[in-house]
Amino acid sequence: MIDKIELIGLLAAILTTTAFIPQVFKVMKAESSEGLSLTTYLIFITGVSLWLIYGIFKMSFSMILGNGITVLLASIIIYYILKNKNSN
């Protein structure tokens, strides 16, 4: 059974991860990342990756789940940023 503190972490992971979904859909639908900063997303994905590694070492399900999915979503945005830079 998940303890109360891990449950708070799971709720936080769900909220912060789902906050990225509209941005990913918008970028994918428009096939445009205009106005998004590659530097910001590279710094962000580095930080989230480190949180993921930390969560793995702590064996925290909420940190692993939330940060793993966020790395995936941020990677999609970075892909579109790079794709749009290369096409210009």
C-alpha atoms as a PDB file:
ATOM      1  CA  MET A   1       0.000   0.000   0.000  1.00  0.00           C
ATOM      2  CA  ILE A   2       1.202   3.521  -0.804  1.00  0.00           C
ATOM      3  CA  ASP A   3       1.843   5.694   2.250  1.00  0.00           C
ATOM      4  CA  LYS A   4       0.274   9.147   2.599  1.00  0.00           C
ATOM      5  CA  ILE A   5       3.447  11.032   1.690  1.00  0.00           C
ATOM      6  CA  GLU A   6       3.910   8.985  -1.486  1.00  0.00           C
ATOM      7  CA  LEU A   7       0.253   9.630  -2.295  1.00  0.00           C
ATOM      8  CA  ILE A   8       0.914  13.387  -2.116  1.00  0.00           C
ATOM      9  CA  GLY A   9       3.888  12.863  -4.435  1.00  0.00           C
ATOM     10  CA  LEU A  10       1.731  10.860  -6.822  1.00  0.00           C
ATOM     11  CA  LEU A  11      -0.895  13.612  -6.944  1.00  0.00           C
ATOM     12  CA  ALA A  12       1.839  16.203  -7.553  1.00  0.00           C
ATOM     13  CA  ALA A  13       3.320  14.021 -10.310  1.00  0.00           C
ATOM     14  CA  ILE A  14      -0.063  13.652 -12.007  1.00  0.00           C
ATOM     15  CA  LEU A  15      -0.759  17.388 -11.918  1.00  0.00           C
ATOM     16  CA  THR A  16       2.673  18.582 -13.059  1.00  0.00           C
ATOM     17  CA  THR A  17       2.918  15.934 -15.767  1.00  0.00           C
ATOM     18  CA  THR A  18      -0.546  16.520 -17.201  1.00  0.00           C
ATOM     19  CA  ALA A  19       0.210  20.252 -17.352  1.00  0.00           C
ATOM     20  CA  PHE A  20       2.578  19.444 -20.248  1.00  0.00           C
ATOM     21  CA  ILE A  21       0.077  17.490 -22.317  1.00  0.00           C
ATOM     22  CA  PRO A  22      -1.751  20.509 -23.858  1.00  0.00           C
ATOM     23  CA  GLN A  23       1.595  22.010 -24.957  1.00  0.00           C
ATOM     24  CA  VAL A  24       2.668  18.751 -26.574  1.00  0.00           C
ATOM     25  CA  PHE A  25      -0.649  18.405 -28.418  1.00  0.00           C
ATOM     26  CA  LYS A  26      -0.476  22.023 -29.585  1.00  0.00           C
ATOM     27  CA  VAL A  27       3.070  21.613 -30.924  1.00  0.00           C
ATOM     28  CA  MET A  28       2.229  18.311 -32.615  1.00  0.00           C
ATOM     29  CA  LYS A  29      -1.025  19.565 -34.151  1.00  0.00           C
ATOM     30  CA  ALA A  30       0.467  22.806 -35.447  1.00  0.00           C
ATOM     31  CA  GLU A  31       3.794  21.132 -36.262  1.00  0.00           C
ATOM     32  CA  SER A  32       5.290  24.361 -35.017  1.00  0.00           C
ATOM     33  CA  SER A  33       7.287  25.232 -31.946  1.00  0.00           C
ATOM     34  CA  GLU A  34       7.445  28.938 -32.669  1.00  0.00           C
ATOM     35  CA  GLY A  35       8.090  30.922 -29.523  1.00  0.00           C
ATOM     36  CA  LEU A  36       9.494  27.989 -27.547  1.00  0.00           C
ATOM     37  CA  SER A  37      13.053  28.176 -26.270  1.00  0.00           C
ATOM     38  CA  LEU A  38      15.342  25.220 -26.980  1.00  0.00           C
ATOM     39  CA  THR A  39      17.679  26.327 -24.175  1.00  0.00           C
ATOM     40  CA  THR A  40      14.827  26.373 -21.677  1.00  0.00           C
ATOM     41  CA  TYR A  41      13.652  22.899 -22.656  1.00  0.00           C
ATOM     42  CA  LEU A  42      17.190  21.473 -22.600  1.00  0.00           C
ATOM     43  CA  ILE A  43      17.766  22.824 -19.092  1.00  0.00           C
ATOM     44  CA  PHE A  44      14.315  21.611 -18.057  1.00  0.00           C
ATOM     45  CA  ILE A  45      14.786  18.080 -19.418  1.00  0.00           C
ATOM     46  CA  THR A  46      18.194  17.844 -17.745  1.00  0.00           C
ATOM     47  CA  GLY A  47      16.648  18.764 -14.390  1.00  0.00           C
ATOM     48  CA  VAL A  48      13.726  16.380 -14.841  1.00  0.00           C
ATOM     49  CA  SER A  49      16.119  13.595 -15.850  1.00  0.00           C
ATOM     50  CA  LEU A  50      18.087  14.169 -12.660  1.00  0.00           C
ATOM     51  CA  TRP A  51      14.832  14.043 -10.648  1.00  0.00           C
ATOM     52  CA  LEU A  52      14.050  10.770 -12.413  1.00  0.00           C
ATOM     53  CA  ILE A  53      17.435   9.320 -11.450  1.00  0.00           C
ATOM     54  CA  TYR A  54      16.936  10.558  -7.891  1.00  0.00           C
ATOM     55  CA  GLY A  55      13.501   8.929  -7.797  1.00  0.00           C
ATOM     56  CA  ILE A  56      14.972   5.649  -9.014  1.00  0.00           C
ATOM     57  CA  PHE A  57      17.591   5.700  -6.240  1.00  0.00           C
ATOM     58  CA  LYS A  58      14.917   6.588  -3.664  1.00  0.00           C
ATOM     59  CA  MET A  59      12.601   3.954  -5.178  1.00  0.00           C
ATOM     60  CA  SER A  60       9.822   6.536  -5.277  1.00  0.00           C
ATOM     61  CA  PHE A  61       7.038   5.416  -7.607  1.00  0.00           C
ATOM     62  CA  SER A  62       5.591   8.911  -7.887  1.00  0.00           C
ATOM     63  CA  MET A  63       8.926  10.477  -8.845  1.00  0.00           C
ATOM     64  CA  ILE A  64       9.723   7.743 -11.342  1.00  0.00           C
ATOM     65  CA  LEU A  65       6.306   7.876 -12.976  1.00  0.00           C
ATOM     66  CA  GLY A  66       5.939  11.659 -13.082  1.00  0.00           C
ATOM     67  CA  ASN A  67       9.452  12.462 -14.195  1.00  0.00           C
ATOM     68  CA  GLY A  68       9.640   9.557 -16.645  1.00  0.00           C
ATOM     69  CA  ILE A  69       6.513  10.719 -18.448  1.00  0.00           C
ATOM     70  CA  THR A  70       7.623  14.356 -18.301  1.00  0.00           C
ATOM     71  CA  VAL A  71      10.979  13.461 -19.899  1.00  0.00           C
ATOM     72  CA  LEU A  72       9.049  11.793 -22.709  1.00  0.00           C
ATOM     73  CA  LEU A  73       6.722  14.775 -23.207  1.00  0.00           C
ATOM     74  CA  ALA A  74       9.564  17.312 -23.075  1.00  0.00           C
ATOM     75  CA  SER A  75      11.531  15.179 -25.554  1.00  0.00           C
ATOM     76  CA  ILE A  76       8.656  15.432 -28.022  1.00  0.00           C
ATOM     77  CA  ILE A  77       8.694  19.216 -27.715  1.00  0.00           C
ATOM     78  CA  ILE A  78      12.489  19.323 -28.140  1.00  0.00           C
ATOM     79  CA  TYR A  79      12.148  17.142 -31.235  1.00  0.00           C
ATOM     80  CA  TYR A  80       9.715  19.634 -32.795  1.00  0.00           C
ATOM     81  CA  ILE A  81      11.893  22.614 -31.806  1.00  0.00           C
ATOM     82  CA  LEU A  82      14.901  21.006 -33.512  1.00  0.00           C
ATOM     83  CA  LYS A  83      12.823  19.907 -36.511  1.00  0.00           C
ATOM     84  CA  ASN A  84      11.549  23.462 -37.009  1.00  0.00           C
ATOM     85  CA  LYS A  85      15.045  24.942 -36.623  1.00  0.00           C
ATOM     86  CA  ASN A  86      16.394  22.559 -39.269  1.00  0.00           C
ATOM     87  CA  SER A  87      13.588  23.332 -41.720  1.00  0.00           C
ATOM     88  CA  ASN A  88      14.216  27.095 -41.510  1.00  0.00           C
END
